[in-house]
Protein backbone atom coordinates (compact mmCIF):
# COMPACT_ATOMS: atom_id res chain seq x y z
CA UNK A 1 -1.17 29.49 -8.14
CA UNK A 2 2.61 29.95 -7.82
CA UNK A 3 4.80 30.35 -10.86
CA UNK A 4 4.30 30.39 -14.55
CA UNK A 5 1.13 28.94 -15.84
CA UNK A 6 2.64 26.42 -18.20
CA UNK A 7 4.63 25.26 -15.28
CA UNK A 8 1.26 24.85 -13.14
CA UNK A 9 -0.38 23.06 -15.97
CA UNK A 10 2.87 20.93 -16.04
CA UNK A 11 2.52 19.92 -12.47
CA UNK A 12 -1.44 19.79 -12.37
CA UNK A 13 -1.03 17.21 -15.52
CA UNK A 14 1.53 15.15 -14.04
CA UNK A 15 -0.60 14.96 -10.65
CA UNK A 16 -3.55 13.92 -12.98
CA UNK A 17 -1.15 10.99 -14.82
CA UNK A 18 0.04 9.73 -11.53
CA UNK A 19 -3.52 9.33 -10.32
CA UNK A 20 -4.48 7.52 -13.30
CA UNK A 21 -1.34 5.36 -13.30
CA UNK A 22 -2.13 4.72 -9.51
CA UNK A 23 -5.65 3.54 -10.49
CA UNK A 24 -4.44 1.32 -13.32
CA UNK A 25 -1.43 -0.02 -10.98
CA UNK A 26 -3.72 -0.78 -8.14
CA UNK A 27 -6.17 -2.77 -10.32
CA UNK A 28 -3.52 -4.59 -11.79
CA UNK A 29 -1.96 -5.68 -8.55
CA UNK A 30 -5.49 -6.47 -7.33
CA UNK A 31 -6.40 -8.61 -10.65
CA UNK A 32 -2.55 -10.56 -10.46
CA UNK A 33 -2.36 -10.74 -6.47
CA UNK A 34 -6.17 -10.75 -5.26
CA UNK A 35 -5.41 -8.87 -2.29
CA UNK A 36 -7.04 -5.62 -1.53
CA UNK A 37 -4.68 -4.30 0.99
CA UNK A 38 -1.46 -4.40 -1.40
CA UNK A 39 -3.54 -2.86 -4.17
CA UNK A 40 -4.55 -0.12 -2.00
CA UNK A 41 -1.09 0.49 -1.00
CA UNK A 42 0.10 0.91 -4.49
CA UNK A 43 -2.98 3.24 -5.00
CA UNK A 44 -1.84 5.26 -2.08
CA UNK A 45 1.68 5.38 -3.29
CA UNK A 46 0.51 7.08 -6.44
CA UNK A 47 -1.90 9.20 -4.93
CA UNK A 48 0.89 10.53 -2.50
CA UNK A 49 3.11 11.48 -5.31
CA UNK A 50 0.31 13.31 -7.10
CA UNK A 51 -0.89 15.17 -3.81
CA UNK A 52 2.86 16.30 -3.38
CA UNK A 53 3.01 17.51 -6.86
CA UNK A 54 -0.37 19.53 -6.44
CA UNK A 55 0.88 20.91 -3.15
CA UNK A 56 4.16 22.10 -4.89
CA UNK A 57 2.09 23.81 -7.38
CA UNK A 58 -0.45 25.50 -4.90
CA UNK A 59 0.44 25.37 -1.31
CA UNK A 60 -2.75 25.99 0.47
CA UNK A 61 -4.30 24.49 3.77
CA UNK A 62 -6.65 22.19 1.82
CA UNK A 63 -3.82 20.88 -0.53
CA UNK A 64 -1.87 20.12 2.75
CA UNK A 65 -4.75 18.48 4.45
CA UNK A 66 -5.42 16.17 1.63
CA UNK A 67 -2.01 15.17 1.24
CA UNK A 68 -1.51 14.58 5.07
CA UNK A 69 -4.91 12.42 5.06
CA UNK A 70 -3.26 10.52 2.13
CA UNK A 71 -0.24 9.98 4.28
CA UNK A 72 -2.02 8.80 7.21
CA UNK A 73 -4.19 6.38 5.27
CA UNK A 74 -1.01 5.14 3.69
CA UNK A 75 0.62 4.29 7.19
CA UNK A 76 -2.25 2.67 8.33
CA UNK A 77 -2.60 0.56 5.43
CA UNK A 78 1.11 0.04 5.71
CA UNK A 79 0.78 -0.90 9.26
CA UNK A 80 -1.80 -3.70 8.70
CA UNK A 81 -0.05 -5.13 5.85
CA UNK A 82 3.14 -5.50 8.10
CA UNK A 83 0.89 -7.10 11.15
CA UNK A 84 -0.72 -9.33 8.71
CA UNK A 85 2.75 -10.33 7.19
CA UNK A 86 3.96 -11.34 11.10
CA UNK A 87 0.76 -13.19 11.69
CA UNK A 88 1.46 -15.33 8.53
CA UNK A 89 -1.53 -14.00 6.56
CA UNK A 90 -2.36 -14.62 2.94
CA UNK A 91 0.09 -11.47 2.32
CA UNK A 92 2.95 -12.91 3.92
CA UNK A 93 5.02 -15.89 2.78
CA UNK A 94 3.88 -19.52 3.36
CA UNK A 95 5.65 -20.97 6.29
CA UNK A 96 8.18 -23.40 5.52
CA UNK A 97 7.89 -27.11 7.00
CA UNK A 98 11.15 -27.78 5.36
CA UNK A 99 13.33 -29.43 7.98
CA UNK A 100 10.64 -29.65 10.66
CA UNK A 101 10.70 -32.61 13.28
CA UNK A 102 7.24 -34.42 12.83
CA UNK A 103 5.49 -34.85 16.15
CA UNK A 104 4.63 -38.21 17.12
CA UNK A 105 1.66 -39.20 19.07
CA UNK A 106 2.21 -40.88 22.28
CA UNK A 107 1.55 -44.73 22.24
CA UNK A 108 -2.26 -45.38 23.28
CA UNK A 109 -2.54 -47.80 26.24
CA UNK A 110 1.03 -47.50 27.73
CA UNK A 111 1.58 -48.21 31.35
CA UNK A 112 2.99 -45.53 33.53
């Protein structure tokens, strides 16, 4: 550990607090939005912040690897969310039909 013990304890406590808050906020998003990917995205944001705090306290290869894995998962989830939004999935906004021209069916039995 680097720095005074009180500083290390403060950083580790902050990281633990961010982890708990991330779990709580992720569960709240899941309960309100019913979207696992958005809840996971929120959780990963908090876990990234916690990982960076831990990394600032104890810059080891293990802490660096853990933070890198969290960033990778966060990017993959973000990519999945954006792809789902472009496809008009449940995460994206509902497509508006206001101002759309209705398509009429051709008359049946019309002579050419």
